[in-house]
Structure formats: structure tokens, C-alpha cells
Protein backbone atom coordinates (compact mmCIF):
# COMPACT_ATOMS: atom_id res chain seq x y z
CA MET A 1 4.50 14.84 -21.76
CA ARG A 2 3.60 12.10 -24.46
CA LYS A 3 7.49 11.67 -25.47
CA LEU A 4 8.57 11.61 -22.28
CA LEU A 5 5.83 9.41 -21.68
CA SER A 6 7.11 7.08 -24.14
CA ALA A 7 10.82 7.54 -23.39
CA ASN A 8 9.60 5.81 -19.84
CA PHE A 9 7.71 3.12 -20.83
CA SER A 10 10.39 1.99 -23.70
CA ARG A 11 12.30 1.75 -20.19
CA LEU A 12 10.43 0.37 -18.12
CA TRP A 13 9.58 -2.85 -20.16
CA LYS A 14 13.48 -3.21 -20.74
CA SER A 15 14.13 -2.64 -16.40
CA LYS A 16 15.41 -5.76 -14.96
CA ILE A 17 14.60 -4.18 -11.17
CA PHE A 18 10.59 -3.67 -13.13
CA TRP A 19 10.63 -7.21 -13.76
CA LEU A 20 12.10 -8.72 -11.34
CA LEU A 21 9.73 -7.10 -8.96
CA GLU A 22 6.90 -8.10 -10.94
CA ILE A 23 8.24 -11.82 -10.48
CA PHE A 24 8.23 -11.59 -6.70
CA CYS A 25 5.11 -10.17 -6.63
CA PHE A 26 3.18 -13.24 -8.69
CA ALA A 27 5.62 -15.52 -6.52
CA PHE A 28 4.49 -13.73 -3.56
CA GLY A 29 0.74 -14.57 -4.87
CA VAL A 30 1.56 -18.37 -5.55
CA PHE A 31 2.76 -18.70 -1.81
CA SER A 32 0.03 -17.32 -0.42
CA TYR A 33 -2.69 -19.46 -2.26
CA THR A 34 -0.46 -22.47 -2.29
CA LEU A 35 -0.87 -21.80 2.10
CA VAL A 36 -4.93 -21.14 1.34
CA ALA A 37 -4.97 -24.21 -0.09
CA ILE A 38 -3.40 -26.07 2.82
CA ASN A 39 -5.14 -24.53 5.31
CA THR A 40 -8.58 -24.83 2.88
CA ARG A 41 -7.89 -28.97 3.04
CA ASN A 42 -7.19 -29.06 6.76
CA LEU A 43 -9.52 -26.52 7.80
CA GLY A 44 -12.60 -26.38 5.80
CA HIS A 45 -13.85 -23.96 3.75
CA GLY A 46 -15.63 -22.08 6.51
CA TRP A 47 -12.14 -21.00 6.94
CA LEU A 48 -11.37 -19.79 3.63
CA GLU A 49 -14.94 -18.00 3.50
CA TYR A 50 -13.89 -16.27 6.74
CA ASN A 51 -9.95 -15.49 5.51
CA ALA A 52 -10.75 -15.17 1.35
CA HIS A 53 -10.73 -11.29 2.46
CA THR A 54 -7.42 -10.73 3.97
CA TYR A 55 -5.37 -13.03 1.51
CA PHE A 56 -7.13 -11.03 -1.31
CA TYR A 57 -6.03 -7.80 -0.15
CA LEU A 58 -2.27 -9.03 1.23
CA PRO A 59 -0.41 -6.66 -1.05
CA ILE A 60 -1.07 -3.86 0.47
CA MET A 61 0.91 -4.90 3.76
CA PHE A 62 4.31 -4.92 0.89
CA LEU A 63 3.55 -2.59 -2.34
CA PRO A 64 4.72 0.17 -0.36
CA ALA A 65 7.84 -1.35 0.08
CA ILE A 66 7.90 -2.45 -4.19
CA ILE A 67 7.05 1.18 -4.96
CA ALA A 68 9.77 2.44 -2.91
CA ILE A 69 12.41 -0.13 -4.57
CA PHE A 70 11.01 0.88 -7.97
CA SER A 71 11.05 4.54 -8.05
CA CYS A 72 14.63 4.47 -6.18
CA PHE A 73 15.83 2.52 -8.72
CA PHE A 74 13.68 3.49 -12.25
CA ILE A 75 14.59 7.67 -10.89
CA GLY A 76 18.06 7.04 -9.86
CA THR A 77 19.21 5.68 -13.00
CA ASP A 78 17.93 8.56 -14.92
CA TYR A 79 19.78 10.30 -12.76
CA SER A 80 22.90 8.45 -12.50
CA ASP A 81 22.93 8.29 -16.60
CA GLY A 82 22.52 12.17 -17.14
CA THR A 83 18.87 11.57 -18.29
CA ILE A 84 16.79 13.89 -16.49
CA ARG A 85 20.04 16.52 -17.23
CA ASN A 86 19.08 16.20 -20.76
CA LYS A 87 15.49 16.31 -20.91
CA LEU A 88 16.38 19.67 -19.27
CA ILE A 89 18.37 21.02 -22.19
CA VAL A 90 16.33 19.61 -25.11
CA GLY A 91 13.52 21.77 -23.41
CA HIS A 92 11.23 19.92 -21.62
CA SER A 93 9.64 21.51 -18.18
CA ARG A 94 10.47 20.26 -14.62
CA SER A 95 6.98 19.94 -14.09
CA SER A 96 6.60 17.48 -16.95
CA ILE A 97 9.51 15.43 -16.21
CA TYR A 98 7.85 15.17 -12.63
CA LEU A 99 4.23 13.67 -13.83
CA SER A 100 5.68 11.50 -16.15
CA TYR A 101 7.74 9.95 -13.40
CA LEU A 102 4.56 10.12 -11.34
CA LEU A 103 2.42 8.74 -14.67
CA THR A 104 4.90 5.80 -15.22
CA THR A 105 5.76 4.62 -11.22
CA SER A 106 1.55 4.49 -11.58
CA ILE A 107 1.37 2.18 -14.15
CA ALA A 108 3.66 0.00 -12.62
CA VAL A 109 2.40 -0.16 -9.58
CA ILE A 110 -1.20 -1.76 -11.21
CA PHE A 111 1.13 -4.08 -13.12
CA PHE A 112 2.52 -5.32 -9.57
CA VAL A 113 -0.97 -5.38 -8.56
CA VAL A 114 -2.15 -7.77 -11.68
CA ALA A 115 1.15 -9.96 -11.23
CA TYR A 116 -0.14 -10.43 -7.74
CA LEU A 117 -4.19 -11.25 -9.12
CA PHE A 118 -2.54 -13.73 -11.50
CA ALA A 119 -1.34 -16.03 -9.19
CA VAL A 120 -4.98 -15.77 -7.61
CA ILE A 121 -6.43 -16.75 -11.17
CA ILE A 122 -4.04 -19.95 -12.31
CA VAL A 123 -3.49 -21.03 -8.51
CA GLY A 124 -5.89 -19.74 -6.14
CA LEU A 125 -8.88 -20.89 -8.36
CA PRO A 126 -7.56 -24.03 -9.11
CA LEU A 127 -6.63 -25.26 -5.85
CA SER A 128 -8.89 -24.13 -3.76
CA GLY A 129 -12.00 -23.19 -5.98
CA SER A 130 -14.31 -19.74 -6.75
CA ALA A 131 -14.06 -19.27 -2.66
CA VAL A 132 -10.95 -17.45 -2.87
CA ILE A 133 -13.07 -14.65 -4.85
CA THR A 134 -17.08 -14.59 -3.95
CA HIS A 135 -15.95 -14.37 -0.68
CA VAL A 136 -14.36 -11.14 -0.85
CA GLN A 137 -15.85 -7.67 0.12
CA LEU A 138 -14.91 -5.39 -3.76
CA HIS A 139 -16.84 -2.57 -4.24
CA TRP A 140 -15.55 1.04 -2.76
CA ARG A 141 -12.69 -0.48 -1.37
CA VAL A 142 -10.82 -1.60 -4.53
CA PHE A 143 -11.14 2.24 -5.20
CA ASN A 144 -10.25 3.16 -1.85
CA LEU A 145 -6.84 1.19 -2.12
CA LEU A 146 -6.40 2.15 -5.58
CA LEU A 147 -6.20 5.33 -4.35
CA ILE A 148 -3.61 4.47 -1.25
CA LEU A 149 -1.44 3.21 -3.87
CA ILE A 150 -1.49 5.76 -5.98
CA GLU A 151 -0.92 8.27 -2.53
CA TYR A 152 1.93 5.64 -2.18
CA ALA A 153 3.44 6.38 -5.23
CA CYS A 154 3.38 10.29 -5.14
CA LEU A 155 5.20 9.82 -2.20
CA PHE A 156 8.40 7.84 -3.43
CA VAL A 157 8.32 9.61 -6.15
CA LEU A 158 8.94 12.76 -4.45
CA PHE A 159 11.69 10.95 -2.19
CA SER A 160 13.17 9.37 -5.44
CA ILE A 161 13.11 13.09 -7.84
CA MET A 162 14.83 14.72 -4.69
CA ASP A 163 18.10 12.88 -3.86
CA SER A 164 20.40 11.35 -6.77
CA ASN A 165 22.09 9.02 -4.58
CA LYS A 166 20.56 5.69 -5.27
CA ALA A 167 21.85 4.07 -2.91
CA ARG A 168 20.96 6.32 -0.16
CA ASN A 169 17.34 6.94 -1.60
CA VAL A 170 17.05 3.58 -1.07
CA VAL A 171 17.50 3.09 2.12
CA VAL A 172 15.79 6.31 2.77
CA SER A 173 12.80 5.32 1.10
CA LEU A 174 12.56 1.77 2.46
CA LEU A 175 12.22 3.21 5.94
CA VAL A 176 9.66 5.33 5.59
CA ALA A 177 7.88 2.57 3.68
CA PHE A 178 7.87 0.43 6.72
CA LEU A 179 7.51 3.47 8.86
CA VAL A 180 3.92 4.52 7.32
CA ILE A 181 3.35 0.85 7.66
CA LEU A 182 4.08 0.70 11.51
CA ILE A 183 2.48 3.72 12.29
CA GLY A 184 -0.55 3.33 10.54
CA MET A 185 -1.14 -0.52 12.17
CA MET A 186 -0.55 1.16 15.72
CA PHE A 187 -2.73 3.78 15.50
CA TYR A 188 -5.57 1.66 13.62
CA SER A 189 -4.95 -0.70 16.62
CA ARG A 190 -5.63 1.84 19.49
CA TYR A 191 -8.38 3.58 17.58
CA MET A 192 -9.72 -0.03 16.95
CA GLN A 193 -10.79 -0.99 20.42
CA PRO A 194 -13.65 -1.94 21.25
CA GLU A 195 -15.61 -0.02 24.30
CA PHE A 196 -16.73 -3.31 26.31
CA VAL A 197 -14.56 -6.56 26.22
CA ASN A 198 -15.16 -10.22 27.72
CA HIS A 199 -12.89 -11.17 30.67
CA VAL A 200 -11.99 -14.48 32.12
CA VAL A 201 -12.03 -13.95 35.97
CA SER A 202 -10.44 -16.45 38.75
CA LEU A 203 -12.69 -17.34 41.46
CA PRO A 204 -11.51 -18.49 44.77
CA ASP A 205 -12.61 -21.59 44.55
CA GLY A 206 -10.30 -22.14 41.51
CA GLY A 207 -12.72 -22.24 38.87
CA ILE A 208 -13.12 -19.50 35.95
CA VAL A 209 -16.06 -17.25 34.87
CA LEU A 210 -16.35 -15.55 31.53
CA LYS A 211 -17.47 -11.74 32.25
CA LYS A 212 -19.09 -10.38 29.32
CA GLY A 213 -19.89 -6.14 28.64
CA ALA A 214 -16.39 -5.38 30.90
CA ALA A 215 -15.64 -2.04 30.09
CA ASN A 216 -11.92 -1.79 27.85
CA SER A 217 -9.18 0.58 30.03
CA GLU A 218 -7.51 0.73 26.29
CA TYR A 219 -10.74 2.43 24.68
CA LEU A 220 -10.40 5.99 23.60
CA SER A 221 -13.04 8.46 24.12
CA GLY A 222 -13.89 12.29 23.58
CA THR A 223 -10.95 14.33 22.34
CA ILE A 224 -8.11 11.83 21.88
CA ARG A 225 -10.46 9.69 20.14
CA THR A 226 -11.25 12.08 17.45
CA VAL A 227 -7.95 12.61 16.89
CA PHE A 228 -6.38 8.99 16.64
CA GLU A 229 -9.46 8.12 14.32
CA TRP A 230 -8.41 11.86 11.89
CA VAL A 231 -4.52 10.61 11.87
CA THR A 232 -5.44 6.66 10.81
CA LEU A 233 -7.64 8.01 7.71
CA THR A 234 -4.88 10.22 7.15
CA ILE A 235 -1.85 7.72 7.15
CA PRO A 236 -1.73 5.95 4.07
CA HIS A 237 -1.53 2.42 5.63
CA GLY A 238 -4.27 3.23 8.30
CA SER A 239 -5.95 4.05 6.17
CA ALA A 240 -5.10 1.15 3.80
CA LEU A 241 -7.01 -0.80 7.05
CA LEU A 242 -10.16 0.92 7.78
CA SER A 243 -10.46 0.18 3.95
CA LEU A 244 -10.46 -3.27 4.68
CA ASP A 245 -12.16 -3.47 7.73
CA LYS A 246 -15.22 -6.36 6.89
CA ASN A 247 -17.09 -4.72 9.92
CA LEU A 248 -16.73 -1.07 8.81
CA ASP A 249 -19.00 0.85 5.80
CA PHE A 250 -17.52 3.61 3.22
CA ASP A 251 -16.24 6.76 4.78
CA TRP A 252 -16.41 9.32 2.49
CA ARG A 253 -13.73 10.45 4.20
CA ASN A 254 -11.51 7.82 3.22
CA PRO A 255 -10.95 8.56 -0.39
CA SER A 256 -11.43 12.31 0.32
CA ILE A 257 -8.12 12.37 1.98
CA SER A 258 -6.23 10.24 -0.16
CA VAL A 259 -6.99 12.67 -3.00
CA ILE A 260 -6.23 15.51 -1.40
CA LEU A 261 -3.15 14.04 -0.07
CA ILE A 262 -2.15 13.08 -3.91
CA PHE A 263 -2.15 16.72 -4.98
CA VAL A 264 -0.52 17.79 -1.63
CA LEU A 265 2.30 15.60 -2.37
CA ASN A 266 2.30 16.62 -6.09
CA PHE A 267 2.51 20.09 -5.33
CA ILE A 268 5.15 20.30 -2.97
CA GLY A 269 7.34 17.29 -4.97
CA MET A 270 6.82 19.84 -8.24
CA GLN A 271 8.16 23.04 -6.33
CA LEU A 272 10.81 21.28 -5.04
CA PHE A 273 11.98 20.20 -7.83
CA LYS A 274 11.95 22.98 -9.94
CA LYS A 275 14.39 24.74 -7.20
CA LYS A 276 16.53 21.50 -7.41
CA ASP A 277 20.83 21.49 -8.69
CA ILE A 278 20.40 19.56 -11.38
CA LYS A 279 24.16 18.58 -12.08
């Protein structure tokens, strides 16, 4: 395992796709916090205090696609160069090869996050002040999101190592990434519908009145609400949105489900890889 990781990390530091994605994460952070500075100047620090949380955790919105691209190119190159076959020939087990790719991808993910945070430090802080981080809720949210990112790494390593066709794998993995994000947002949005809402009611004389506490027809209840709750917790992006919601407290099911899915995805991936015909 040590030799496999050493070889992977040696490749990682020389990988063009890794550094391009690092630059993208940093550039996205620079762009985001430049917008933050402009909006803060125009709307005041009250706007920043309310939105600092969202911008700080913004990478969770695009990192699934970044992880998908990285794993496809990194592992796909080893397939096209015959490196995986050579690793098997010299005696490395398929399980150790699989785990080495998972660990390498997980470390790369951390570097992508660091690139974005570097932009926060060198652009966000000088332009907008300490409010860009002092109003961010950290604690368990960071831990939950880290588990979710590892979960994404497990998912896309599984896809990448099962398909030696790099181009096809990129398309499929990106499609899966966007579907996971979209489905997670849909279930989260539906589950979080409030039970009561305020309605604007038109009067016969042309006036309007605000009706408070009206029943929300979109509110889920009973068994269907329980189903939506668990599906939202299980889908990585749904779980991420629940972790980021400032109105929600720590829920032990969030990290627990992520840990379970990490082990399940790794188990499935290793079992499939053991049966794969390496040409």
C-alpha cells in the first residue's frame, strides 16, 4: 500500500488535470469573494453577515463535478497507460489498488477545498474584513461536509475504476454528479416546505391584505414526510443542504448515514473491481 500511495502522489503532483482543477477552485473563490465585496459595498455589512455562511460553503455546489472529473482522468490515465495491469503483475492486490485510488482522490479533494479557502483568505478578508468568516457556522457542519465529500470520492472512484474508457467515464460521471445535485435539491426543497405560510389576499375593493399562518398545501406530513426526510438524508447533496441549513441543529443521522454509505460504496467497488477483466 505504501508503494502504491507513493506512486499515486508522485503522479498527483505532476498531474495537469489536478493543477487545472486547483486553479479553477481558487479562481472560483476569487470570483465569488469579489462579488461578495461588491455586494457588501452596495448593500452594507448586514448583507454580508447574513450571506457569509452561504459563500463560505459554496464549494459543495460544484465539488461533486470536480471530483468526478479528477477521478475519471487520474484513474483513466492509469488504465490507458497499462499502469493498473502492471501493478497487478508485480503482486499488488486489487483491494490495495482500489484503496490507494480512494485515498489519493480523498486527499485531492481536500486540496481543492484548501484552494477555495486560500481565495477566502487572500481576497475575502482584505476586501470585506473578518465578517466573511466570523459569521460562518463551523463546528459539526465542517465534519459533516467532509464526510459527504469523501462519500462523493467513493462514488466516483467506483465509476472510474469500473470503466477503462476515459471519455465515456467522464460523461457518465458528470451526468451522475449533476443528477445527485439536482435530486438532492429537489428532495430538500420539498421536505423543507413549512407547514404554514403567509399569503397575500386580494380584496373585492382592489386592496390587498396579508393573511398570516395559512396552511401550506405543499407541506408534507405523515409517512410521505418520513420517506422524503430519509431520502434527503441519504442523497449526498440533500445531506449537504441539511448540514448547511442555519436553522437546523446537529442531527446524528447525517454523519452516520454518510459513514455507512462510504463503507457500502467501498465494499461494492472492491467486489466489482475484483471481478473486472483487466486487459
